[in-house]
ModelCIF file with pLDDT and N, C-alpha, C, O atoms, coordinates in Angstrom:
data_MODEL
#
_entry.id   MODEL 
#
_entity.id                         1 
_entity.type                       polymer 
_entity.pdbx_number_of_molecules   1 
#
_entity_poly.entity_id                      1 
_entity_poly.type                           'polypeptide(L)' 
_entity_poly.nstd_linkage                   no 
_entity_poly.nstd_monomer                   no 
_entity_poly.pdbx_seq_one_letter_code       KHGPLALISPEIPTVAVVPDDELWEKNMGSLAEIRARRGPLVVV 
_entity_poly.pdbx_seq_one_letter_code_can   KHGPLALISPEIPTVAVVPDDELWEKNMGSLAEIRARRGPLVVV 
_entity_poly.pdbx_strand_id                 A 
#
loop_
_entity_poly_seq.entity_id 
_entity_poly_seq.num 
_entity_poly_seq.mon_id 
_entity_poly_seq.hetero 
1 1  LYS n 
1 2  HIS n 
1 3  GLY n 
1 4  PRO n 
1 5  LEU n 
1 6  ALA n 
1 7  LEU n 
1 8  ILE n 
1 9  SER n 
1 10 PRO n 
1 11 GLU n 
1 12 ILE n 
1 13 PRO n 
1 14 THR n 
1 15 VAL n 
1 16 ALA n 
1 17 VAL n 
1 18 VAL n 
1 19 PRO n 
1 20 ASP n 
1 21 ASP n 
1 22 GLU n 
1 23 LEU n 
1 24 TRP n 
1 25 GLU n 
1 26 LYS n 
1 27 ASN n 
1 28 MET n 
1 29 GLY n 
1 30 SER n 
1 31 LEU n 
1 32 ALA n 
1 33 GLU n 
1 34 ILE n 
1 35 ARG n 
1 36 ALA n 
1 37 ARG n 
1 38 ARG n 
1 39 GLY n 
1 40 PRO n 
1 41 LEU n 
1 42 VAL n 
1 43 VAL n 
1 44 VAL n 
#
_struct_asym.id          A 
_struct_asym.entity_id   1 
#
loop_
_ma_qa_metric.id 
_ma_qa_metric.mode 
_ma_qa_metric.name 
_ma_qa_metric.software_group_id 
_ma_qa_metric.type 
1 global pLDDT . pLDDT 
2 local  pLDDT . pLDDT 
#
_ma_qa_metric_global.metric_id      1 
_ma_qa_metric_global.metric_value   93.36 
_ma_qa_metric_global.model_id       1 
_ma_qa_metric_global.ordinal_id     1 
#
loop_
_ma_qa_metric_local.label_asym_id 
_ma_qa_metric_local.label_comp_id 
_ma_qa_metric_local.label_seq_id 
_ma_qa_metric_local.metric_id 
_ma_qa_metric_local.metric_value 
_ma_qa_metric_local.model_id 
_ma_qa_metric_local.ordinal_id 
A LYS 1  2 86.00 1 1  
A HIS 2  2 91.00 1 2  
A GLY 3  2 90.00 1 3  
A PRO 4  2 87.00 1 4  
A LEU 5  2 89.00 1 5  
A ALA 6  2 90.00 1 6  
A LEU 7  2 91.00 1 7  
A ILE 8  2 92.00 1 8  
A SER 9  2 93.00 1 9  
A PRO 10 2 93.00 1 10 
A GLU 11 2 94.00 1 11 
A ILE 12 2 95.00 1 12 
A PRO 13 2 96.00 1 13 
A THR 14 2 96.00 1 14 
A VAL 15 2 97.00 1 15 
A ALA 16 2 97.00 1 16 
A VAL 17 2 97.00 1 17 
A VAL 18 2 97.00 1 18 
A PRO 19 2 96.00 1 19 
A ASP 20 2 94.00 1 20 
A ASP 21 2 92.00 1 21 
A GLU 22 2 93.00 1 22 
A LEU 23 2 93.00 1 23 
A TRP 24 2 93.00 1 24 
A GLU 25 2 94.00 1 25 
A LYS 26 2 94.00 1 26 
A ASN 27 2 93.00 1 27 
A MET 28 2 93.00 1 28 
A GLY 29 2 93.00 1 29 
A SER 30 2 93.00 1 30 
A LEU 31 2 94.00 1 31 
A ALA 32 2 93.00 1 32 
A GLU 33 2 93.00 1 33 
A ILE 34 2 94.00 1 34 
A ARG 35 2 92.00 1 35 
A ALA 36 2 91.00 1 36 
A ARG 37 2 93.00 1 37 
A ARG 38 2 92.00 1 38 
A GLY 39 2 93.00 1 39 
A PRO 40 2 95.00 1 40 
A LEU 41 2 96.00 1 41 
A VAL 42 2 96.00 1 42 
A VAL 43 2 97.00 1 43 
A VAL 44 2 97.00 1 44 
#
loop_
_atom_site.group_PDB 
_atom_site.id 
_atom_site.type_symbol 
_atom_site.label_atom_id 
_atom_site.label_alt_id 
_atom_site.label_comp_id 
_atom_site.label_asym_id 
_atom_site.label_entity_id 
_atom_site.label_seq_id 
_atom_site.pdbx_PDB_ins_code 
_atom_site.Cartn_x 
_atom_site.Cartn_y 
_atom_site.Cartn_z 
_atom_site.occupancy 
_atom_site.B_iso_or_equiv 
_atom_site.pdbx_formal_charge 
_atom_site.auth_seq_id 
_atom_site.auth_comp_id 
_atom_site.auth_asym_id 
_atom_site.auth_atom_id 
_atom_site.pdbx_PDB_model_num 
ATOM 1   N N  . LYS A 1 1  ? 0.806   -1.221  0.000   1.00 86.00 ? 1  LYS A N  1 
ATOM 2   C CA . LYS A 1 1  ? 0.000   0.000   0.000   1.00 86.00 ? 1  LYS A CA 1 
ATOM 3   C C  . LYS A 1 1  ? 0.841   1.274   0.000   1.00 86.00 ? 1  LYS A C  1 
ATOM 4   O O  . LYS A 1 1  ? 0.307   2.376   -0.126  1.00 86.00 ? 1  LYS A O  1 
ATOM 5   N N  . HIS A 1 2  ? 2.156   1.119   0.141   1.00 91.00 ? 2  HIS A N  1 
ATOM 6   C CA . HIS A 1 2  ? 3.047   2.279   0.154   1.00 91.00 ? 2  HIS A CA 1 
ATOM 7   C C  . HIS A 1 2  ? 3.708   2.498   -1.204  1.00 91.00 ? 2  HIS A C  1 
ATOM 8   O O  . HIS A 1 2  ? 4.800   3.060   -1.280  1.00 91.00 ? 2  HIS A O  1 
ATOM 9   N N  . GLY A 1 3  ? 3.065   2.066   -2.247  1.00 90.00 ? 3  GLY A N  1 
ATOM 10  C CA . GLY A 1 3  ? 3.585   2.317   -3.589  1.00 90.00 ? 3  GLY A CA 1 
ATOM 11  C C  . GLY A 1 3  ? 3.344   1.210   -4.594  1.00 90.00 ? 3  GLY A C  1 
ATOM 12  O O  . GLY A 1 3  ? 2.708   1.455   -5.619  1.00 90.00 ? 3  GLY A O  1 
ATOM 13  N N  . PRO A 1 4  ? 3.827   -0.001  -4.343  1.00 87.00 ? 4  PRO A N  1 
ATOM 14  C CA . PRO A 1 4  ? 3.723   -1.066  -5.349  1.00 87.00 ? 4  PRO A CA 1 
ATOM 15  C C  . PRO A 1 4  ? 2.293   -1.441  -5.737  1.00 87.00 ? 4  PRO A C  1 
ATOM 16  O O  . PRO A 1 4  ? 2.066   -1.954  -6.833  1.00 87.00 ? 4  PRO A O  1 
ATOM 17  N N  . LEU A 1 5  ? 1.325   -1.190  -4.850  1.00 89.00 ? 5  LEU A N  1 
ATOM 18  C CA . LEU A 1 5  ? -0.057  -1.547  -5.172  1.00 89.00 ? 5  LEU A CA 1 
ATOM 19  C C  . LEU A 1 5  ? -0.539  -0.855  -6.443  1.00 89.00 ? 5  LEU A C  1 
ATOM 20  O O  . LEU A 1 5  ? -1.470  -1.334  -7.090  1.00 89.00 ? 5  LEU A O  1 
ATOM 21  N N  . ALA A 1 6  ? 0.083   0.262   -6.807  1.00 90.00 ? 6  ALA A N  1 
ATOM 22  C CA . ALA A 1 6  ? -0.285  0.971   -8.030  1.00 90.00 ? 6  ALA A CA 1 
ATOM 23  C C  . ALA A 1 6  ? -0.042  0.126   -9.273  1.00 90.00 ? 6  ALA A C  1 
ATOM 24  O O  . ALA A 1 6  ? -0.651  0.372   -10.314 1.00 90.00 ? 6  ALA A O  1 
ATOM 25  N N  . LEU A 1 7  ? 0.835   -0.860  -9.179  1.00 91.00 ? 7  LEU A N  1 
ATOM 26  C CA . LEU A 1 7  ? 1.174   -1.692  -10.326 1.00 91.00 ? 7  LEU A CA 1 
ATOM 27  C C  . LEU A 1 7  ? 0.369   -2.978  -10.404 1.00 91.00 ? 7  LEU A C  1 
ATOM 28  O O  . LEU A 1 7  ? 0.455   -3.696  -11.400 1.00 91.00 ? 7  LEU A O  1 
ATOM 29  N N  . ILE A 1 8  ? -0.409  -3.284  -9.379  1.00 92.00 ? 8  ILE A N  1 
ATOM 30  C CA . ILE A 1 8  ? -1.203  -4.513  -9.398  1.00 92.00 ? 8  ILE A CA 1 
ATOM 31  C C  . ILE A 1 8  ? -2.271  -4.406  -10.480 1.00 92.00 ? 8  ILE A C  1 
ATOM 32  O O  . ILE A 1 8  ? -3.001  -3.419  -10.559 1.00 92.00 ? 8  ILE A O  1 
ATOM 33  N N  . SER A 1 9  ? -2.345  -5.441  -11.310 1.00 93.00 ? 9  SER A N  1 
ATOM 34  C CA . SER A 1 9  ? -3.319  -5.472  -12.405 1.00 93.00 ? 9  SER A CA 1 
ATOM 35  C C  . SER A 1 9  ? -3.532  -6.927  -12.816 1.00 93.00 ? 9  SER A C  1 
ATOM 36  O O  . SER A 1 9  ? -2.810  -7.808  -12.350 1.00 93.00 ? 9  SER A O  1 
ATOM 37  N N  . PRO A 1 10 ? -4.514  -7.191  -13.684 1.00 93.00 ? 10 PRO A N  1 
ATOM 38  C CA . PRO A 1 10 ? -4.725  -8.570  -14.145 1.00 93.00 ? 10 PRO A CA 1 
ATOM 39  C C  . PRO A 1 10 ? -3.534  -9.139  -14.906 1.00 93.00 ? 10 PRO A C  1 
ATOM 40  O O  . PRO A 1 10 ? -3.429  -10.355 -15.067 1.00 93.00 ? 10 PRO A O  1 
ATOM 41  N N  . GLU A 1 11 ? -2.634  -8.274  -15.377 1.00 94.00 ? 11 GLU A N  1 
ATOM 42  C CA . GLU A 1 11 ? -1.483  -8.737  -16.158 1.00 94.00 ? 11 GLU A CA 1 
ATOM 43  C C  . GLU A 1 11 ? -0.266  -9.065  -15.295 1.00 94.00 ? 11 GLU A C  1 
ATOM 44  O O  . GLU A 1 11 ? 0.698   -9.648  -15.792 1.00 94.00 ? 11 GLU A O  1 
ATOM 45  N N  . ILE A 1 12 ? -0.294  -8.701  -14.007 1.00 95.00 ? 12 ILE A N  1 
ATOM 46  C CA . ILE A 1 12 ? 0.876   -8.898  -13.148 1.00 95.00 ? 12 ILE A CA 1 
ATOM 47  C C  . ILE A 1 12 ? 0.509   -9.837  -12.002 1.00 95.00 ? 12 ILE A C  1 
ATOM 48  O O  . ILE A 1 12 ? -0.198  -9.433  -11.078 1.00 95.00 ? 12 ILE A O  1 
ATOM 49  N N  . PRO A 1 13 ? 0.974   -11.072 -12.049 1.00 96.00 ? 13 PRO A N  1 
ATOM 50  C CA . PRO A 1 13 ? 0.674   -12.015 -10.959 1.00 96.00 ? 13 PRO A CA 1 
ATOM 51  C C  . PRO A 1 13 ? 1.502   -11.710 -9.716  1.00 96.00 ? 13 PRO A C  1 
ATOM 52  O O  . PRO A 1 13 ? 2.580   -11.121 -9.794  1.00 96.00 ? 13 PRO A O  1 
ATOM 53  N N  . THR A 1 14 ? 0.982   -12.117 -8.591  1.00 96.00 ? 14 THR A N  1 
ATOM 54  C CA . THR A 1 14 ? 1.686   -11.997 -7.316  1.00 96.00 ? 14 THR A CA 1 
ATOM 55  C C  . THR A 1 14 ? 1.837   -13.379 -6.702  1.00 96.00 ? 14 THR A C  1 
ATOM 56  O O  . THR A 1 14 ? 0.874   -14.137 -6.587  1.00 96.00 ? 14 THR A O  1 
ATOM 57  N N  . VAL A 1 15 ? 3.055   -13.686 -6.315  1.00 97.00 ? 15 VAL A N  1 
ATOM 58  C CA . VAL A 1 15 ? 3.335   -14.927 -5.592  1.00 97.00 ? 15 VAL A CA 1 
ATOM 59  C C  . VAL A 1 15 ? 3.438   -14.558 -4.114  1.00 97.00 ? 15 VAL A C  1 
ATOM 60  O O  . VAL A 1 15 ? 4.332   -13.814 -3.712  1.00 97.00 ? 15 VAL A O  1 
ATOM 61  N N  . ALA A 1 16 ? 2.532   -15.075 -3.328  1.00 97.00 ? 16 ALA A N  1 
ATOM 62  C CA . ALA A 1 16 ? 2.470   -14.740 -1.908  1.00 97.00 ? 16 ALA A CA 1 
ATOM 63  C C  . ALA A 1 16 ? 2.989   -15.908 -1.084  1.00 97.00 ? 16 ALA A C  1 
ATOM 64  O O  . ALA A 1 16 ? 2.500   -17.030 -1.217  1.00 97.00 ? 16 ALA A O  1 
ATOM 65  N N  . VAL A 1 17 ? 3.973   -15.652 -0.237  1.00 97.00 ? 17 VAL A N  1 
ATOM 66  C CA . VAL A 1 17 ? 4.537   -16.675 0.644   1.00 97.00 ? 17 VAL A CA 1 
ATOM 67  C C  . VAL A 1 17 ? 3.911   -16.479 2.024   1.00 97.00 ? 17 VAL A C  1 
ATOM 68  O O  . VAL A 1 17 ? 4.166   -15.480 2.697   1.00 97.00 ? 17 VAL A O  1 
ATOM 69  N N  . VAL A 1 18 ? 3.082   -17.453 2.438   1.00 97.00 ? 18 VAL A N  1 
ATOM 70  C CA . VAL A 1 18 ? 2.235   -17.267 3.615   1.00 97.00 ? 18 VAL A CA 1 
ATOM 71  C C  . VAL A 1 18 ? 2.436   -18.424 4.603   1.00 97.00 ? 18 VAL A C  1 
ATOM 72  O O  . VAL A 1 18 ? 1.741   -19.436 4.506   1.00 97.00 ? 18 VAL A O  1 
ATOM 73  N N  . PRO A 1 19 ? 3.355   -18.295 5.533   1.00 96.00 ? 19 PRO A N  1 
ATOM 74  C CA . PRO A 1 19 ? 3.473   -19.329 6.571   1.00 96.00 ? 19 PRO A CA 1 
ATOM 75  C C  . PRO A 1 19 ? 2.231   -19.347 7.465   1.00 96.00 ? 19 PRO A C  1 
ATOM 76  O O  . PRO A 1 19 ? 1.543   -18.337 7.616   1.00 96.00 ? 19 PRO A O  1 
ATOM 77  N N  . ASP A 1 20 ? 1.962   -20.500 8.045   1.00 94.00 ? 20 ASP A N  1 
ATOM 78  C CA . ASP A 1 20 ? 0.824   -20.620 8.962   1.00 94.00 ? 20 ASP A CA 1 
ATOM 79  C C  . ASP A 1 20 ? 1.288   -20.190 10.352  1.00 94.00 ? 20 ASP A C  1 
ATOM 80  O O  . ASP A 1 20 ? 1.512   -21.016 11.237  1.00 94.00 ? 20 ASP A O  1 
ATOM 81  N N  . ASP A 1 21 ? 1.423   -18.879 10.518  1.00 92.00 ? 21 ASP A N  1 
ATOM 82  C CA . ASP A 1 21 ? 1.928   -18.346 11.785  1.00 92.00 ? 21 ASP A CA 1 
ATOM 83  C C  . ASP A 1 21 ? 1.013   -17.250 12.306  1.00 92.00 ? 21 ASP A C  1 
ATOM 84  O O  . ASP A 1 21 ? -0.117  -17.098 11.842  1.00 92.00 ? 21 ASP A O  1 
ATOM 85  N N  . GLU A 1 22 ? 1.501   -16.497 13.261  1.00 93.00 ? 22 GLU A N  1 
ATOM 86  C CA . GLU A 1 22 ? 0.688   -15.465 13.912  1.00 93.00 ? 22 GLU A CA 1 
ATOM 87  C C  . GLU A 1 22 ? 0.294   -14.330 12.974  1.00 93.00 ? 22 GLU A C  1 
ATOM 88  O O  . GLU A 1 22 ? -0.551  -13.507 13.325  1.00 93.00 ? 22 GLU A O  1 
ATOM 89  N N  . LEU A 1 23 ? 0.897   -14.275 11.781  1.00 93.00 ? 23 LEU A N  1 
ATOM 90  C CA . LEU A 1 23 ? 0.595   -13.206 10.832  1.00 93.00 ? 23 LEU A CA 1 
ATOM 91  C C  . LEU A 1 23 ? -0.345  -13.661 9.718   1.00 93.00 ? 23 LEU A C  1 
ATOM 92  O O  . LEU A 1 23 ? -0.494  -12.972 8.709   1.00 93.00 ? 23 LEU A O  1 
ATOM 93  N N  . TRP A 1 24 ? -0.977  -14.818 9.899   1.00 93.00 ? 24 TRP A N  1 
ATOM 94  C CA . TRP A 1 24 ? -1.844  -15.357 8.837   1.00 93.00 ? 24 TRP A CA 1 
ATOM 95  C C  . TRP A 1 24 ? -2.942  -14.365 8.449   1.00 93.00 ? 24 TRP A C  1 
ATOM 96  O O  . TRP A 1 24 ? -3.125  -14.087 7.264   1.00 93.00 ? 24 TRP A O  1 
ATOM 97  N N  . GLU A 1 25 ? -3.661  -13.839 9.409   1.00 94.00 ? 25 GLU A N  1 
ATOM 98  C CA . GLU A 1 25 ? -4.776  -12.926 9.103   1.00 94.00 ? 25 GLU A CA 1 
ATOM 99  C C  . GLU A 1 25 ? -4.268  -11.649 8.445   1.00 94.00 ? 25 GLU A C  1 
ATOM 100 O O  . GLU A 1 25 ? -4.917  -11.114 7.546   1.00 94.00 ? 25 GLU A O  1 
ATOM 101 N N  . LYS A 1 26 ? -3.125  -11.163 8.882   1.00 94.00 ? 26 LYS A N  1 
ATOM 102 C CA . LYS A 1 26 ? -2.553  -9.983  8.234   1.00 94.00 ? 26 LYS A CA 1 
ATOM 103 C C  . LYS A 1 26 ? -2.252  -10.275 6.764   1.00 94.00 ? 26 LYS A C  1 
ATOM 104 O O  . LYS A 1 26 ? -2.503  -9.444  5.891   1.00 94.00 ? 26 LYS A O  1 
ATOM 105 N N  . ASN A 1 27 ? -1.716  -11.451 6.506   1.00 93.00 ? 27 ASN A N  1 
ATOM 106 C CA . ASN A 1 27 ? -1.402  -11.820 5.130   1.00 93.00 ? 27 ASN A CA 1 
ATOM 107 C C  . ASN A 1 27 ? -2.670  -11.969 4.294   1.00 93.00 ? 27 ASN A C  1 
ATOM 108 O O  . ASN A 1 27 ? -2.686  -11.593 3.122   1.00 93.00 ? 27 ASN A O  1 
ATOM 109 N N  . MET A 1 28 ? -3.730  -12.512 4.884   1.00 93.00 ? 28 MET A N  1 
ATOM 110 C CA . MET A 1 28 ? -4.990  -12.637 4.151   1.00 93.00 ? 28 MET A CA 1 
ATOM 111 C C  . MET A 1 28 ? -5.527  -11.254 3.767   1.00 93.00 ? 28 MET A C  1 
ATOM 112 O O  . MET A 1 28 ? -6.144  -11.086 2.715   1.00 93.00 ? 28 MET A O  1 
ATOM 113 N N  . GLY A 1 29 ? -5.284  -10.279 4.626   1.00 93.00 ? 29 GLY A N  1 
ATOM 114 C CA . GLY A 1 29 ? -5.700  -8.910  4.288   1.00 93.00 ? 29 GLY A CA 1 
ATOM 115 C C  . GLY A 1 29 ? -4.953  -8.388  3.073   1.00 93.00 ? 29 GLY A C  1 
ATOM 116 O O  . GLY A 1 29 ? -5.544  -7.718  2.225   1.00 93.00 ? 29 GLY A O  1 
ATOM 117 N N  . SER A 1 30 ? -3.666  -8.684  2.976   1.00 93.00 ? 30 SER A N  1 
ATOM 118 C CA . SER A 1 30 ? -2.881  -8.250  1.817   1.00 93.00 ? 30 SER A CA 1 
ATOM 119 C C  . SER A 1 30 ? -3.372  -8.940  0.536   1.00 93.00 ? 30 SER A C  1 
ATOM 120 O O  . SER A 1 30 ? -3.443  -8.319  -0.524  1.00 93.00 ? 30 SER A O  1 
ATOM 121 N N  . LEU A 1 31 ? -3.710  -10.234 0.651   1.00 94.00 ? 31 LEU A N  1 
ATOM 122 C CA . LEU A 1 31 ? -4.218  -10.938 -0.532  1.00 94.00 ? 31 LEU A CA 1 
ATOM 123 C C  . LEU A 1 31 ? -5.549  -10.346 -0.983  1.00 94.00 ? 31 LEU A C  1 
ATOM 124 O O  . LEU A 1 31 ? -5.826  -10.266 -2.180  1.00 94.00 ? 31 LEU A O  1 
ATOM 125 N N  . ALA A 1 32 ? -6.376  -9.929  -0.013  1.00 93.00 ? 32 ALA A N  1 
ATOM 126 C CA . ALA A 1 32 ? -7.655  -9.315  -0.372  1.00 93.00 ? 32 ALA A CA 1 
ATOM 127 C C  . ALA A 1 32 ? -7.449  -8.012  -1.144  1.00 93.00 ? 32 ALA A C  1 
ATOM 128 O O  . ALA A 1 32 ? -8.194  -7.716  -2.079  1.00 93.00 ? 32 ALA A O  1 
ATOM 129 N N  . GLU A 1 33 ? -6.444  -7.241  -0.755  1.00 93.00 ? 33 GLU A N  1 
ATOM 130 C CA . GLU A 1 33 ? -6.140  -5.998  -1.474  1.00 93.00 ? 33 GLU A CA 1 
ATOM 131 C C  . GLU A 1 33 ? -5.763  -6.292  -2.928  1.00 93.00 ? 33 GLU A C  1 
ATOM 132 O O  . GLU A 1 33 ? -6.131  -5.544  -3.834  1.00 93.00 ? 33 GLU A O  1 
ATOM 133 N N  . ILE A 1 34 ? -5.036  -7.375  -3.141  1.00 94.00 ? 34 ILE A N  1 
ATOM 134 C CA . ILE A 1 34 ? -4.614  -7.737  -4.498  1.00 94.00 ? 34 ILE A CA 1 
ATOM 135 C C  . ILE A 1 34 ? -5.821  -8.224  -5.305  1.00 94.00 ? 34 ILE A C  1 
ATOM 136 O O  . ILE A 1 34 ? -5.987  -7.851  -6.466  1.00 94.00 ? 34 ILE A O  1 
ATOM 137 N N  . ARG A 1 35 ? -6.666  -9.064  -4.682  1.00 92.00 ? 35 ARG A N  1 
ATOM 138 C CA . ARG A 1 35 ? -7.858  -9.555  -5.394  1.00 92.00 ? 35 ARG A CA 1 
ATOM 139 C C  . ARG A 1 35 ? -8.770  -8.394  -5.790  1.00 92.00 ? 35 ARG A C  1 
ATOM 140 O O  . ARG A 1 35 ? -9.356  -8.397  -6.872  1.00 92.00 ? 35 ARG A O  1 
ATOM 141 N N  . ALA A 1 36 ? -8.884  -7.407  -4.909  1.00 91.00 ? 36 ALA A N  1 
ATOM 142 C CA . ALA A 1 36 ? -9.771  -6.278  -5.183  1.00 91.00 ? 36 ALA A CA 1 
ATOM 143 C C  . ALA A 1 36 ? -9.342  -5.526  -6.442  1.00 91.00 ? 36 ALA A C  1 
ATOM 144 O O  . ALA A 1 36 ? -10.144 -4.825  -7.058  1.00 91.00 ? 36 ALA A O  1 
ATOM 145 N N  . ARG A 1 37 ? -8.083  -5.675  -6.814  1.00 93.00 ? 37 ARG A N  1 
ATOM 146 C CA . ARG A 1 37 ? -7.564  -5.015  -8.019  1.00 93.00 ? 37 ARG A CA 1 
ATOM 147 C C  . ARG A 1 37 ? -7.346  -6.023  -9.146  1.00 93.00 ? 37 ARG A C  1 
ATOM 148 O O  . ARG A 1 37 ? -6.615  -5.765  -10.102 1.00 93.00 ? 37 ARG A O  1 
ATOM 149 N N  . ARG A 1 38 ? -8.000  -7.183  -9.007  1.00 92.00 ? 38 ARG A N  1 
ATOM 150 C CA . ARG A 1 38 ? -8.003  -8.256  -10.021 1.00 92.00 ? 38 ARG A CA 1 
ATOM 151 C C  . ARG A 1 38 ? -6.599  -8.770  -10.331 1.00 92.00 ? 38 ARG A C  1 
ATOM 152 O O  . ARG A 1 38 ? -6.302  -9.159  -11.461 1.00 92.00 ? 38 ARG A O  1 
ATOM 153 N N  . GLY A 1 39 ? -5.746  -8.766  -9.318  1.00 93.00 ? 39 GLY A N  1 
ATOM 154 C CA . GLY A 1 39 ? -4.410  -9.306  -9.494  1.00 93.00 ? 39 GLY A CA 1 
ATOM 155 C C  . GLY A 1 39 ? -4.397  -10.821 -9.323  1.00 93.00 ? 39 GLY A C  1 
ATOM 156 O O  . GLY A 1 39 ? -4.892  -11.315 -8.311  1.00 93.00 ? 39 GLY A O  1 
ATOM 157 N N  . PRO A 1 40 ? -3.854  -11.572 -10.267 1.00 95.00 ? 40 PRO A N  1 
ATOM 158 C CA . PRO A 1 40 ? -3.763  -13.035 -10.127 1.00 95.00 ? 40 PRO A CA 1 
ATOM 159 C C  . PRO A 1 40 ? -2.844  -13.403 -8.962  1.00 95.00 ? 40 PRO A C  1 
ATOM 160 O O  . PRO A 1 40 ? -1.847  -12.726 -8.712  1.00 95.00 ? 40 PRO A O  1 
ATOM 161 N N  . LEU A 1 41 ? -3.184  -14.471 -8.257  1.00 96.00 ? 41 LEU A N  1 
ATOM 162 C CA . LEU A 1 41 ? -2.450  -14.873 -7.069  1.00 96.00 ? 41 LEU A CA 1 
ATOM 163 C C  . LEU A 1 41 ? -1.987  -16.324 -7.158  1.00 96.00 ? 41 LEU A C  1 
ATOM 164 O O  . LEU A 1 41 ? -2.750  -17.211 -7.540  1.00 96.00 ? 41 LEU A O  1 
ATOM 165 N N  . VAL A 1 42 ? -0.733  -16.549 -6.802  1.00 96.00 ? 42 VAL A N  1 
ATOM 166 C CA . VAL A 1 42 ? -0.214  -17.887 -6.531  1.00 96.00 ? 42 VAL A CA 1 
ATOM 167 C C  . VAL A 1 42 ? 0.253   -17.865 -5.080  1.00 96.00 ? 42 VAL A C  1 
ATOM 168 O O  . VAL A 1 42 ? 1.099   -17.052 -4.708  1.00 96.00 ? 42 VAL A O  1 
ATOM 169 N N  . VAL A 1 43 ? -0.298  -18.755 -4.266  1.00 97.00 ? 43 VAL A N  1 
ATOM 170 C CA . VAL A 1 43 ? -0.025  -18.746 -2.833  1.00 97.00 ? 43 VAL A CA 1 
ATOM 171 C C  . VAL A 1 43 ? 0.803   -19.974 -2.475  1.00 97.00 ? 43 VAL A C  1 
ATOM 172 O O  . VAL A 1 43 ? 0.451   -21.101 -2.823  1.00 97.00 ? 43 VAL A O  1 
ATOM 173 N N  . VAL A 1 44 ? 1.900   -19.738 -1.778  1.00 97.00 ? 44 VAL A N  1 
ATOM 174 C CA . VAL A 1 44 ? 2.753   -20.822 -1.279  1.00 97.00 ? 44 VAL A CA 1 
ATOM 175 C C  . VAL A 1 44 ? 2.624   -20.816 0.242   1.00 97.00 ? 44 VAL A C  1 
ATOM 176 O O  . VAL A 1 44 ? 3.245   -21.637 0.917   1.00 97.00 ? 44 VAL A O  1 
#
């Protein structure tokens, strides 16, 4: 949200590395921001 989100689009995929740790919900929030801008997601 501090700059790179401007480049998220259907043409630019994002690979999200999401450990099952205390930051899971925070990471899900970031993925939601990407989906809202129709960014393709690959989640590891």
